[in-house]
Protein backbone atom coordinates (compact mmCIF):
# COMPACT_ATOMS: atom_id res chain seq x y z
CA UNK A 1 0.00 0.00 0.00
CA UNK A 2 3.04 2.29 0.03
CA UNK A 3 2.43 5.55 -1.84
CA UNK A 4 -1.34 5.03 -2.09
CA UNK A 5 -3.56 7.49 -0.23
CA UNK A 6 -5.58 5.00 1.85
CA UNK A 7 -7.06 5.60 5.29
CA UNK A 8 -5.05 4.16 8.17
CA UNK A 9 -8.12 3.53 10.31
CA UNK A 10 -10.31 0.97 8.60
CA UNK A 11 -13.63 -0.59 9.63
CA UNK A 12 -13.45 -4.32 10.28
CA UNK A 13 -16.23 -5.15 7.87
CA UNK A 14 -18.49 -3.81 5.14
CA UNK A 15 -21.74 -5.11 3.70
CA UNK A 16 -24.09 -3.60 1.17
CA UNK A 17 -27.50 -2.74 2.54
CA UNK A 18 -30.32 -4.87 1.18
CA UNK A 19 -31.38 -1.98 -1.02
CA UNK A 20 -27.88 -1.46 -2.39
CA UNK A 21 -27.36 -5.19 -2.84
CA UNK A 22 -30.42 -5.22 -5.08
CA UNK A 23 -28.99 -2.28 -7.01
CA UNK A 24 -25.65 -4.07 -7.33
CA UNK A 25 -27.34 -7.22 -8.66
CA UNK A 26 -29.30 -5.14 -11.19
CA UNK A 27 -26.07 -3.47 -12.37
CA UNK A 28 -24.24 -6.78 -12.72
CA UNK A 29 -27.16 -8.26 -14.67
CA UNK A 30 -26.60 -5.70 -17.43
CA UNK A 31 -23.37 -7.42 -18.45
CA UNK A 32 -23.05 -10.76 -20.29
CA UNK A 33 -21.77 -13.87 -18.55
CA UNK A 34 -18.05 -13.66 -17.97
CA UNK A 35 -18.03 -9.86 -18.17
CA UNK A 36 -19.20 -9.08 -14.65
CA UNK A 37 -15.94 -7.28 -13.89
CA UNK A 38 -17.28 -4.45 -16.07
CA UNK A 39 -19.56 -3.57 -13.15
CA UNK A 40 -16.64 -2.67 -10.88
CA UNK A 41 -16.92 1.12 -11.31
CA UNK A 42 -20.64 1.47 -10.51
CA UNK A 43 -20.24 -0.92 -7.56
CA UNK A 44 -17.38 1.17 -6.19
CA UNK A 45 -19.57 4.26 -6.52
CA UNK A 46 -22.42 2.47 -4.76
CA UNK A 47 -20.13 1.48 -1.88
CA UNK A 48 -18.77 5.00 -1.59
CA UNK A 49 -22.23 6.57 -1.42
CA UNK A 50 -23.26 4.09 1.27
CA UNK A 51 -20.12 4.63 3.34
CA UNK A 52 -20.15 8.40 3.91
CA UNK A 53 -18.44 9.24 0.61
CA UNK A 54 -15.37 7.01 0.96
CA UNK A 55 -14.51 3.38 0.23
CA UNK A 56 -12.98 1.21 2.96
CA UNK A 57 -10.76 -1.75 2.11
CA UNK A 58 -13.46 -4.07 3.41
CA UNK A 59 -15.70 -2.82 0.60
CA UNK A 60 -12.93 -3.59 -1.90
CA UNK A 61 -13.00 -7.17 -0.60
CA UNK A 62 -16.78 -7.41 -0.90
CA UNK A 63 -16.75 -6.11 -4.47
CA UNK A 64 -13.86 -8.39 -5.38
CA UNK A 65 -15.75 -11.43 -4.13
CA UNK A 66 -19.03 -10.42 -5.71
CA UNK A 67 -17.48 -9.83 -9.13
CA UNK A 68 -15.10 -12.79 -8.84
CA UNK A 69 -12.10 -10.67 -9.72
CA UNK A 70 -8.75 -10.31 -7.92
CA UNK A 71 -8.74 -7.82 -5.06
CA UNK A 72 -5.80 -5.96 -6.60
CA UNK A 73 -7.80 -5.39 -9.80
CA UNK A 74 -10.57 -3.68 -7.83
CA UNK A 75 -8.01 -1.64 -5.92
CA UNK A 76 -6.30 -0.62 -9.17
CA UNK A 77 -9.56 0.92 -10.41
CA UNK A 78 -10.31 2.58 -7.08
CA UNK A 79 -6.86 4.21 -6.93
CA UNK A 80 -6.77 5.29 -10.57
CA UNK A 81 -9.83 7.55 -10.64
CA UNK A 82 -10.07 10.69 -8.50
CA UNK A 83 -13.84 10.13 -8.26
CA UNK A 84 -13.18 7.44 -5.64
CA UNK A 85 -12.10 8.34 -2.12
CA UNK A 86 -10.16 5.78 -0.12
CA UNK A 87 -10.12 7.84 3.04
CA UNK A 88 -12.71 10.05 4.76
CA UNK A 89 -13.49 13.41 3.17
CA UNK A 90 -15.33 16.46 4.40
CA UNK A 91 -19.06 17.02 4.24
CA UNK A 92 -18.38 19.25 1.25
CA UNK A 93 -15.86 17.63 -1.09
CA UNK A 94 -14.37 20.38 -3.27
CA UNK A 95 -12.85 19.31 -6.56
CA UNK A 96 -11.19 22.24 -8.31
CA UNK A 97 -10.30 21.81 -11.96
CA UNK A 98 -6.96 23.37 -12.92
CA UNK A 99 -6.56 21.96 -16.44
CA UNK A 100 -5.69 24.45 -19.22
CA UNK A 101 -9.19 25.84 -20.05
CA UNK A 102 -9.98 26.42 -16.36
CA UNK A 103 -6.50 27.79 -15.69
CA UNK A 104 -6.78 30.25 -18.57
CA UNK A 105 -10.09 31.44 -17.11
CA UNK A 106 -8.70 31.94 -13.61
CA UNK A 107 -8.77 28.67 -11.68
CA UNK A 108 -5.66 29.84 -9.80
CA UNK A 109 -7.85 32.51 -8.20
CA UNK A 110 -10.39 29.86 -7.22
CA UNK A 111 -7.63 27.87 -5.52
CA UNK A 112 -6.35 31.04 -3.84
CA UNK A 113 -9.85 31.81 -2.53
CA UNK A 114 -10.17 28.33 -1.04
CA UNK A 115 -6.77 28.74 0.61
CA UNK A 116 -7.63 32.21 1.95
CA UNK A 117 -11.14 31.29 3.09
CA UNK A 118 -10.65 27.76 4.43
CA UNK A 119 -6.87 27.50 4.88
CA UNK A 120 -6.78 24.41 2.69
CA UNK A 121 -4.15 23.18 0.28
CA UNK A 122 -4.58 20.27 -2.10
CA UNK A 123 -5.52 16.95 -0.39
CA UNK A 124 -6.31 18.66 2.92
CA UNK A 125 -9.44 18.50 5.08
CA UNK A 126 -10.52 21.31 7.40
CA UNK A 127 -10.21 20.69 11.13
CA UNK A 128 -13.99 20.75 11.55
CA UNK A 129 -14.42 18.06 8.89
CA UNK A 130 -16.61 20.31 6.76
CA UNK A 131 -14.39 20.67 3.68
CA UNK A 132 -11.89 18.62 1.71
CA UNK A 133 -10.01 20.05 -1.28
CA UNK A 134 -8.75 18.04 -4.26
CA UNK A 135 -7.17 19.54 -7.36
CA UNK A 136 -8.37 17.54 -10.37
CA UNK A 137 -7.78 17.31 -14.10
CA UNK A 138 -10.65 18.23 -16.43
CA UNK A 139 -14.19 17.94 -15.13
CA UNK A 140 -15.47 18.01 -18.71
CA UNK A 141 -17.30 21.34 -18.65
CA UNK A 142 -14.66 23.52 -20.32
CA UNK A 143 -17.17 25.91 -21.92
CA UNK A 144 -18.15 27.05 -18.43
CA UNK A 145 -14.67 27.26 -16.94
CA UNK A 146 -13.48 27.60 -14.24
CA UNK A 147 -15.37 24.73 -12.60
CA UNK A 148 -15.58 23.91 -8.91
CA UNK A 149 -17.35 20.65 -8.16
CA UNK A 150 -18.95 20.32 -4.72
CA UNK A 151 -19.90 16.71 -4.05
CA UNK A 152 -21.96 15.82 -7.16
CA UNK A 153 -22.73 19.36 -8.29
CA UNK A 154 -20.93 21.72 -10.70
CA UNK A 155 -20.48 25.40 -9.93
CA UNK A 156 -19.40 27.18 -13.10
CA UNK A 157 -17.82 30.49 -14.10
CA UNK A 158 -16.07 30.61 -10.75
CA UNK A 159 -13.82 33.48 -9.70
CA UNK A 160 -12.39 34.67 -6.39
CA UNK A 161 -15.43 36.67 -5.32
CA UNK A 162 -18.23 34.26 -6.19
CA UNK A 163 -16.25 31.30 -4.85
CA UNK A 164 -15.94 33.12 -1.52
CA UNK A 165 -19.72 33.63 -1.45
CA UNK A 166 -20.28 29.96 -2.27
CA UNK A 167 -17.99 28.81 0.53
CA UNK A 168 -19.63 31.15 3.04
CA UNK A 169 -23.04 29.72 2.13
CA UNK A 170 -21.75 26.15 2.54
CA UNK A 171 -20.31 27.05 5.95
CA UNK A 172 -23.84 28.00 7.00
CA UNK A 173 -25.22 24.73 5.68
CA UNK A 174 -26.84 26.47 2.73
CA UNK A 175 -26.28 24.77 -0.64
CA UNK A 176 -26.77 27.21 -3.53
CA UNK A 177 -28.38 26.11 -6.78
CA UNK A 178 -25.69 24.53 -8.99
CA UNK A 179 -24.76 26.08 -12.31
CA UNK A 180 -23.18 29.36 -13.30
CA UNK A 181 -22.03 31.50 -10.39
CA UNK A 182 -22.03 34.52 -12.71
CA UNK A 183 -25.64 34.09 -13.82
CA UNK A 184 -24.81 32.90 -17.32
CA UNK A 185 -27.54 30.82 -18.96
CA UNK A 186 -26.11 27.32 -19.45
CA UNK A 187 -23.23 27.58 -21.99
CA UNK A 188 -24.41 30.66 -23.83
CA UNK A 189 -21.99 33.55 -24.37
CA UNK A 190 -21.87 35.88 -21.40
CA UNK A 191 -23.72 38.54 -23.42
CA UNK A 192 -26.52 36.09 -24.24
CA UNK A 193 -27.41 33.79 -27.12
CA UNK A 194 -25.82 34.75 -30.44
CA UNK A 195 -26.24 31.76 -32.76
CA UNK A 196 -28.83 31.92 -35.57
CA UNK A 197 -30.47 35.08 -34.26
CA UNK A 198 -30.05 36.63 -37.69
CA UNK A 199 -28.22 36.01 -40.94
CA UNK A 200 -27.47 37.88 -44.17
CA UNK A 201 -28.81 37.25 -47.65
CA UNK A 202 -29.25 39.34 -50.81
CA UNK A 203 -32.03 41.33 -49.16
CA UNK A 204 -29.85 42.25 -46.20
CA UNK A 205 -30.11 41.10 -42.59
CA UNK A 206 -33.44 39.71 -41.46
CA UNK A 207 -34.57 37.99 -38.29
CA UNK A 208 -34.21 34.23 -38.53
CA UNK A 209 -37.50 33.86 -36.66
CA UNK A 210 -39.16 36.15 -39.21
CA UNK A 211 -37.90 34.00 -42.06
CA UNK A 212 -39.24 30.86 -40.37
CA UNK A 213 -42.62 32.55 -40.00
CA UNK A 214 -42.58 33.51 -43.69
CA UNK A 215 -41.73 29.95 -44.67
CA UNK A 216 -38.49 31.03 -46.33
CA UNK A 217 -36.13 28.66 -44.54
CA UNK A 218 -37.58 25.35 -45.65
CA UNK A 219 -38.29 24.52 -42.01
CA UNK A 220 -41.73 23.56 -40.76
C-alpha atoms as a PDB file:
ATOM      1  CA  UNK A   1       0.000   0.000   0.000  1.00  0.00           C
ATOM      2  CA  UNK A   2       3.036   2.291   0.025  1.00  0.00           C
ATOM      3  CA  UNK A   3       2.427   5.547  -1.837  1.00  0.00           C
ATOM      4  CA  UNK A   4      -1.344   5.034  -2.086  1.00  0.00           C
ATOM      5  CA  UNK A   5      -3.557   7.485  -0.226  1.00  0.00           C
ATOM      6  CA  UNK A   6      -5.577   4.997   1.848  1.00  0.00           C
ATOM      7  CA  UNK A   7      -7.055   5.597   5.289  1.00  0.00           C
ATOM      8  CA  UNK A   8      -5.050   4.155   8.173  1.00  0.00           C
ATOM      9  CA  UNK A   9      -8.117   3.530  10.313  1.00  0.00           C
ATOM     10  CA  UNK A  10     -10.309   0.971   8.596  1.00  0.00           C
ATOM     11  CA  UNK A  11     -13.631  -0.593   9.627  1.00  0.00           C
ATOM     12  CA  UNK A  12     -13.445  -4.315  10.280  1.00  0.00           C
ATOM     13  CA  UNK A  13     -16.232  -5.153   7.865  1.00  0.00           C
ATOM     14  CA  UNK A  14     -18.488  -3.807   5.144  1.00  0.00           C
ATOM     15  CA  UNK A  15     -21.739  -5.106   3.701  1.00  0.00           C
ATOM     16  CA  UNK A  16     -24.093  -3.600   1.173  1.00  0.00           C
ATOM     17  CA  UNK A  17     -27.499  -2.737   2.544  1.00  0.00           C
ATOM     18  CA  UNK A  18     -30.324  -4.873   1.177  1.00  0.00           C
ATOM     19  CA  UNK A  19     -31.384  -1.985  -1.025  1.00  0.00           C
ATOM     20  CA  UNK A  20     -27.878  -1.455  -2.393  1.00  0.00           C
ATOM     21  CA  UNK A  21     -27.364  -5.186  -2.836  1.00  0.00           C
ATOM     22  CA  UNK A  22     -30.424  -5.218  -5.077  1.00  0.00           C
ATOM     23  CA  UNK A  23     -28.991  -2.279  -7.014  1.00  0.00           C
ATOM     24  CA  UNK A  24     -25.649  -4.073  -7.327  1.00  0.00           C
ATOM     25  CA  UNK A  25     -27.337  -7.219  -8.656  1.00  0.00           C
ATOM     26  CA  UNK A  26     -29.298  -5.137 -11.189  1.00  0.00           C
ATOM     27  CA  UNK A  27     -26.071  -3.472 -12.365  1.00  0.00           C
ATOM     28  CA  UNK A  28     -24.241  -6.782 -12.723  1.00  0.00           C
ATOM     29  CA  UNK A  29     -27.162  -8.264 -14.673  1.00  0.00           C
ATOM     30  CA  UNK A  30     -26.596  -5.697 -17.428  1.00  0.00           C
ATOM     31  CA  UNK A  31     -23.370  -7.422 -18.447  1.00  0.00           C
ATOM     32  CA  UNK A  32     -23.049 -10.760 -20.293  1.00  0.00           C
ATOM     33  CA  UNK A  33     -21.774 -13.866 -18.550  1.00  0.00           C
ATOM     34  CA  UNK A  34     -18.048 -13.657 -17.969  1.00  0.00           C
ATOM     35  CA  UNK A  35     -18.026  -9.856 -18.172  1.00  0.00           C
ATOM     36  CA  UNK A  36     -19.202  -9.079 -14.648  1.00  0.00           C
ATOM     37  CA  UNK A  37     -15.936  -7.281 -13.893  1.00  0.00           C
ATOM     38  CA  UNK A  38     -17.275  -4.450 -16.068  1.00  0.00           C
ATOM     39  CA  UNK A  39     -19.557  -3.568 -13.150  1.00  0.00           C
ATOM     40  CA  UNK A  40     -16.636  -2.665 -10.884  1.00  0.00           C
ATOM     41  CA  UNK A  41     -16.918   1.119 -11.314  1.00  0.00           C
ATOM     42  CA  UNK A  42     -20.644   1.466 -10.509  1.00  0.00           C
ATOM     43  CA  UNK A  43     -20.244  -0.919  -7.555  1.00  0.00           C
ATOM     44  CA  UNK A  44     -17.380   1.172  -6.186  1.00  0.00           C
ATOM     45  CA  UNK A  45     -19.574   4.257  -6.522  1.00  0.00           C
ATOM     46  CA  UNK A  46     -22.419   2.465  -4.758  1.00  0.00           C
ATOM     47  CA  UNK A  47     -20.133   1.478  -1.881  1.00  0.00           C
ATOM     48  CA  UNK A  48     -18.766   5.000  -1.587  1.00  0.00           C
ATOM     49  CA  UNK A  49     -22.233   6.566  -1.421  1.00  0.00           C
ATOM     50  CA  UNK A  50     -23.258   4.091   1.265  1.00  0.00           C
ATOM     51  CA  UNK A  51     -20.117   4.628   3.342  1.00  0.00           C
ATOM     52  CA  UNK A  52     -20.149   8.402   3.914  1.00  0.00           C
ATOM     53  CA  UNK A  53     -18.437   9.242   0.607  1.00  0.00           C
ATOM     54  CA  UNK A  54     -15.371   7.014   0.960  1.00  0.00           C
ATOM     55  CA  UNK A  55     -14.510   3.379   0.232  1.00  0.00           C
ATOM     56  CA  UNK A  56     -12.982   1.208   2.964  1.00  0.00           C
ATOM     57  CA  UNK A  57     -10.764  -1.750   2.109  1.00  0.00           C
ATOM     58  CA  UNK A  58     -13.460  -4.071   3.412  1.00  0.00           C
ATOM     59  CA  UNK A  59     -15.703  -2.817   0.596  1.00  0.00           C
ATOM     60  CA  UNK A  60     -12.933  -3.587  -1.901  1.00  0.00           C
ATOM     61  CA  UNK A  61     -12.997  -7.174  -0.595  1.00  0.00           C
ATOM     62  CA  UNK A  62     -16.778  -7.414  -0.897  1.00  0.00           C
ATOM     63  CA  UNK A  63     -16.752  -6.111  -4.473  1.00  0.00           C
ATOM     64  CA  UNK A  64     -13.861  -8.391  -5.375  1.00  0.00           C
ATOM     65  CA  UNK A  65     -15.746 -11.431  -4.128  1.00  0.00           C
ATOM     66  CA  UNK A  66     -19.033 -10.418  -5.708  1.00  0.00           C
ATOM     67  CA  UNK A  67     -17.483  -9.835  -9.132  1.00  0.00           C
ATOM     68  CA  UNK A  68     -15.103 -12.787  -8.840  1.00  0.00           C
ATOM     69  CA  UNK A  69     -12.102 -10.667  -9.716  1.00  0.00           C
ATOM     70  CA  UNK A  70      -8.755 -10.312  -7.920  1.00  0.00           C
ATOM     71  CA  UNK A  71      -8.737  -7.823  -5.063  1.00  0.00           C
ATOM     72  CA  UNK A  72      -5.799  -5.962  -6.597  1.00  0.00           C
ATOM     73  CA  UNK A  73      -7.800  -5.389  -9.797  1.00  0.00           C
ATOM     74  CA  UNK A  74     -10.569  -3.683  -7.832  1.00  0.00           C
ATOM     75  CA  UNK A  75      -8.014  -1.636  -5.922  1.00  0.00           C
ATOM     76  CA  UNK A  76      -6.304  -0.620  -9.167  1.00  0.00           C
ATOM     77  CA  UNK A  77      -9.555   0.915 -10.412  1.00  0.00           C
ATOM     78  CA  UNK A  78     -10.310   2.582  -7.078  1.00  0.00           C
ATOM     79  CA  UNK A  79      -6.862   4.206  -6.928  1.00  0.00           C
ATOM     80  CA  UNK A  80      -6.768   5.287 -10.575  1.00  0.00           C
ATOM     81  CA  UNK A  81      -9.830   7.549 -10.635  1.00  0.00           C
ATOM     82  CA  UNK A  82     -10.074  10.690  -8.496  1.00  0.00           C
ATOM     83  CA  UNK A  83     -13.837  10.132  -8.258  1.00  0.00           C
ATOM     84  CA  UNK A  84     -13.182   7.439  -5.643  1.00  0.00           C
ATOM     85  CA  UNK A  85     -12.102   8.338  -2.118  1.00  0.00           C
ATOM     86  CA  UNK A  86     -10.157   5.775  -0.119  1.00  0.00           C
ATOM     87  CA  UNK A  87     -10.120   7.835   3.045  1.00  0.00           C
ATOM     88  CA  UNK A  88     -12.707  10.051   4.759  1.00  0.00           C
ATOM     89  CA  UNK A  89     -13.485  13.413   3.168  1.00  0.00           C
ATOM     90  CA  UNK A  90     -15.332  16.458   4.396  1.00  0.00           C
ATOM     91  CA  UNK A  91     -19.059  17.023   4.241  1.00  0.00           C
ATOM     92  CA  UNK A  92     -18.375  19.248   1.249  1.00  0.00           C
ATOM     93  CA  UNK A  93     -15.863  17.628  -1.090  1.00  0.00           C
ATOM     94  CA  UNK A  94     -14.367  20.379  -3.265  1.00  0.00           C
ATOM     95  CA  UNK A  95     -12.853  19.312  -6.563  1.00  0.00           C
ATOM     96  CA  UNK A  96     -11.193  22.237  -8.310  1.00  0.00           C
ATOM     97  CA  UNK A  97     -10.298  21.814 -11.963  1.00  0.00           C
ATOM     98  CA  UNK A  98      -6.956  23.371 -12.921  1.00  0.00           C
ATOM     99  CA  UNK A  99      -6.560  21.957 -16.437  1.00  0.00           C
ATOM    100  CA  UNK A 100      -5.686  24.449 -19.220  1.00  0.00           C
ATOM    101  CA  UNK A 101      -9.188  25.842 -20.047  1.00  0.00           C
ATOM    102  CA  UNK A 102      -9.977  26.424 -16.363  1.00  0.00           C
ATOM    103  CA  UNK A 103      -6.497  27.785 -15.686  1.00  0.00           C
ATOM    104  CA  UNK A 104      -6.784  30.254 -18.567  1.00  0.00           C
ATOM    105  CA  UNK A 105     -10.092  31.443 -17.113  1.00  0.00           C
ATOM    106  CA  UNK A 106      -8.702  31.938 -13.607  1.00  0.00           C
ATOM    107  CA  UNK A 107      -8.767  28.667 -11.675  1.00  0.00           C
ATOM    108  CA  UNK A 108      -5.662  29.840  -9.798  1.00  0.00           C
ATOM    109  CA  UNK A 109      -7.848  32.510  -8.205  1.00  0.00           C
ATOM    110  CA  UNK A 110     -10.393  29.861  -7.223  1.00  0.00           C
ATOM    111  CA  UNK A 111      -7.634  27.872  -5.517  1.00  0.00           C
ATOM    112  CA  UNK A 112      -6.351  31.043  -3.835  1.00  0.00           C
ATOM    113  CA  UNK A 113      -9.848  31.809  -2.535  1.00  0.00           C
ATOM    114  CA  UNK A 114     -10.168  28.331  -1.039  1.00  0.00           C
ATOM    115  CA  UNK A 115      -6.766  28.744   0.613  1.00  0.00           C
ATOM    116  CA  UNK A 116      -7.628  32.212   1.945  1.00  0.00           C
ATOM    117  CA  UNK A 117     -11.137  31.285   3.095  1.00  0.00           C
ATOM    118  CA  UNK A 118     -10.645  27.760   4.427  1.00  0.00           C
ATOM    119  CA  UNK A 119      -6.872  27.504   4.879  1.00  0.00           C
ATOM    120  CA  UNK A 120      -6.780  24.408   2.686  1.00  0.00           C
ATOM    121  CA  UNK A 121      -4.150  23.180   0.281  1.00  0.00           C
ATOM    122  CA  UNK A 122      -4.582  20.266  -2.102  1.00  0.00           C
ATOM    123  CA  UNK A 123      -5.522  16.955  -0.395  1.00  0.00           C
ATOM    124  CA  UNK A 124      -6.310  18.658   2.919  1.00  0.00           C
ATOM    125  CA  UNK A 125      -9.443  18.501   5.081  1.00  0.00           C
ATOM    126  CA  UNK A 126     -10.519  21.308   7.401  1.00  0.00           C
ATOM    127  CA  UNK A 127     -10.209  20.692  11.131  1.00  0.00           C
ATOM    128  CA  UNK A 128     -13.992  20.745  11.552  1.00  0.00           C
ATOM    129  CA  UNK A 129     -14.423  18.056   8.891  1.00  0.00           C
ATOM    130  CA  UNK A 130     -16.606  20.312   6.762  1.00  0.00           C
ATOM    131  CA  UNK A 131     -14.395  20.671   3.683  1.00  0.00           C
ATOM    132  CA  UNK A 132     -11.886  18.619   1.708  1.00  0.00           C
ATOM    133  CA  UNK A 133     -10.010  20.050  -1.283  1.00  0.00           C
ATOM    134  CA  UNK A 134      -8.748  18.040  -4.258  1.00  0.00           C
ATOM    135  CA  UNK A 135      -7.166  19.537  -7.356  1.00  0.00           C
ATOM    136  CA  UNK A 136      -8.374  17.540 -10.372  1.00  0.00           C
ATOM    137  CA  UNK A 137      -7.780  17.314 -14.104  1.00  0.00           C
ATOM    138  CA  UNK A 138     -10.654  18.231 -16.429  1.00  0.00           C
ATOM    139  CA  UNK A 139     -14.192  17.945 -15.134  1.00  0.00           C
ATOM    140  CA  UNK A 140     -15.473  18.011 -18.707  1.00  0.00           C
ATOM    141  CA  UNK A 141     -17.298  21.342 -18.651  1.00  0.00           C
ATOM    142  CA  UNK A 142     -14.663  23.521 -20.323  1.00  0.00           C
ATOM    143  CA  UNK A 143     -17.171  25.913 -21.920  1.00  0.00           C
ATOM    144  CA  UNK A 144     -18.151  27.048 -18.435  1.00  0.00           C
ATOM    145  CA  UNK A 145     -14.665  27.257 -16.944  1.00  0.00           C
ATOM    146  CA  UNK A 146     -13.482  27.604 -14.236  1.00  0.00           C
ATOM    147  CA  UNK A 147     -15.365  24.731 -12.602  1.00  0.00           C
ATOM    148  CA  UNK A 148     -15.576  23.910  -8.905  1.00  0.00           C
ATOM    149  CA  UNK A 149     -17.345  20.646  -8.164  1.00  0.00           C
ATOM    150  CA  UNK A 150     -18.955  20.323  -4.724  1.00  0.00           C
ATOM    151  CA  UNK A 151     -19.904  16.714  -4.047  1.00  0.00           C
ATOM    152  CA  UNK A 152     -21.961  15.818  -7.159  1.00  0.00           C
ATOM    153  CA  UNK A 153     -22.728  19.360  -8.290  1.00  0.00           C
ATOM    154  CA  UNK A 154     -20.932  21.715 -10.702  1.00  0.00           C
ATOM    155  CA  UNK A 155     -20.477  25.403  -9.928  1.00  0.00           C
ATOM    156  CA  UNK A 156     -19.399  27.175 -13.100  1.00  0.00           C
ATOM    157  CA  UNK A 157     -17.818  30.493 -14.102  1.00  0.00           C
ATOM    158  CA  UNK A 158     -16.069  30.615 -10.751  1.00  0.00           C
ATOM    159  CA  UNK A 159     -13.816  33.477  -9.702  1.00  0.00           C
ATOM    160  CA  UNK A 160     -12.385  34.668  -6.390  1.00  0.00           C
ATOM    161  CA  UNK A 161     -15.429  36.672  -5.319  1.00  0.00           C
ATOM    162  CA  UNK A 162     -18.229  34.258  -6.186  1.00  0.00           C
ATOM    163  CA  UNK A 163     -16.250  31.296  -4.853  1.00  0.00           C
ATOM    164  CA  UNK A 164     -15.939  33.124  -1.521  1.00  0.00           C
ATOM    165  CA  UNK A 165     -19.719  33.627  -1.447  1.00  0.00           C
ATOM    166  CA  UNK A 166     -20.283  29.959  -2.274  1.00  0.00           C
ATOM    167  CA  UNK A 167     -17.988  28.814   0.534  1.00  0.00           C
ATOM    168  CA  UNK A 168     -19.627  31.147   3.038  1.00  0.00           C
ATOM    169  CA  UNK A 169     -23.042  29.718   2.130  1.00  0.00           C
ATOM    170  CA  UNK A 170     -21.751  26.153   2.544  1.00  0.00           C
ATOM    171  CA  UNK A 171     -20.307  27.052   5.953  1.00  0.00           C
ATOM    172  CA  UNK A 172     -23.844  28.002   6.997  1.00  0.00           C
ATOM    173  CA  UNK A 173     -25.222  24.728   5.685  1.00  0.00           C
ATOM    174  CA  UNK A 174     -26.844  26.474   2.726  1.00  0.00           C
ATOM    175  CA  UNK A 175     -26.279  24.770  -0.641  1.00  0.00           C
ATOM    176  CA  UNK A 176     -26.775  27.208  -3.532  1.00  0.00           C
ATOM    177  CA  UNK A 177     -28.380  26.109  -6.779  1.00  0.00           C
ATOM    178  CA  UNK A 178     -25.693  24.527  -8.990  1.00  0.00           C
ATOM    179  CA  UNK A 179     -24.765  26.082 -12.309  1.00  0.00           C
ATOM    180  CA  UNK A 180     -23.182  29.355 -13.298  1.00  0.00           C
ATOM    181  CA  UNK A 181     -22.031  31.502 -10.392  1.00  0.00           C
ATOM    182  CA  UNK A 182     -22.032  34.524 -12.707  1.00  0.00           C
ATOM    183  CA  UNK A 183     -25.640  34.088 -13.817  1.00  0.00           C
ATOM    184  CA  UNK A 184     -24.807  32.902 -17.323  1.00  0.00           C
ATOM    185  CA  UNK A 185     -27.544  30.815 -18.959  1.00  0.00           C
ATOM    186  CA  UNK A 186     -26.109  27.324 -19.451  1.00  0.00           C
ATOM    187  CA  UNK A 187     -23.229  27.575 -21.988  1.00  0.00           C
ATOM    188  CA  UNK A 188     -24.414  30.659 -23.826  1.00  0.00           C
ATOM    189  CA  UNK A 189     -21.986  33.546 -24.375  1.00  0.00           C
ATOM    190  CA  UNK A 190     -21.872  35.885 -21.403  1.00  0.00           C
ATOM    191  CA  UNK A 191     -23.724  38.540 -23.420  1.00  0.00           C
ATOM    192  CA  UNK A 192     -26.520  36.086 -24.241  1.00  0.00           C
ATOM    193  CA  UNK A 193     -27.408  33.789 -27.122  1.00  0.00           C
ATOM    194  CA  UNK A 194     -25.825  34.749 -30.440  1.00  0.00           C
ATOM    195  CA  UNK A 195     -26.238  31.765 -32.759  1.00  0.00           C
ATOM    196  CA  UNK A 196     -28.830  31.922 -35.574  1.00  0.00           C
ATOM    197  CA  UNK A 197     -30.472  35.078 -34.256  1.00  0.00           C
ATOM    198  CA  UNK A 198     -30.049  36.626 -37.691  1.00  0.00           C
ATOM    199  CA  UNK A 199     -28.223  36.014 -40.939  1.00  0.00           C
ATOM    200  CA  UNK A 200     -27.471  37.880 -44.170  1.00  0.00           C
ATOM    201  CA  UNK A 201     -28.805  37.251 -47.654  1.00  0.00           C
ATOM    202  CA  UNK A 202     -29.254  39.339 -50.811  1.00  0.00           C
ATOM    203  CA  UNK A 203     -32.027  41.328 -49.158  1.00  0.00           C
ATOM    204  CA  UNK A 204     -29.849  42.247 -46.204  1.00  0.00           C
ATOM    205  CA  UNK A 205     -30.114  41.096 -42.589  1.00  0.00           C
ATOM    206  CA  UNK A 206     -33.443  39.708 -41.460  1.00  0.00           C
ATOM    207  CA  UNK A 207     -34.572  37.994 -38.294  1.00  0.00           C
ATOM    208  CA  UNK A 208     -34.208  34.227 -38.526  1.00  0.00           C
ATOM    209  CA  UNK A 209     -37.504  33.864 -36.660  1.00  0.00           C
ATOM    210  CA  UNK A 210     -39.161  36.150 -39.212  1.00  0.00           C
ATOM    211  CA  UNK A 211     -37.902  33.995 -42.064  1.00  0.00           C
ATOM    212  CA  UNK A 212     -39.245  30.864 -40.374  1.00  0.00           C
ATOM    213  CA  UNK A 213     -42.618  32.553 -39.998  1.00  0.00           C
ATOM    214  CA  UNK A 214     -42.575  33.509 -43.686  1.00  0.00           C
ATOM    215  CA  UNK A 215     -41.727  29.948 -44.670  1.00  0.00           C
ATOM    216  CA  UNK A 216     -38.489  31.034 -46.332  1.00  0.00           C
ATOM    217  CA  UNK A 217     -36.126  28.665 -44.540  1.00  0.00           C
ATOM    218  CA  UNK A 218     -37.584  25.354 -45.653  1.00  0.00           C
ATOM    219  CA  UNK A 219     -38.295  24.521 -42.011  1.00  0.00           C
ATOM    220  CA  UNK A 220     -41.728  23.564 -40.762  1.00  0.00           C
END
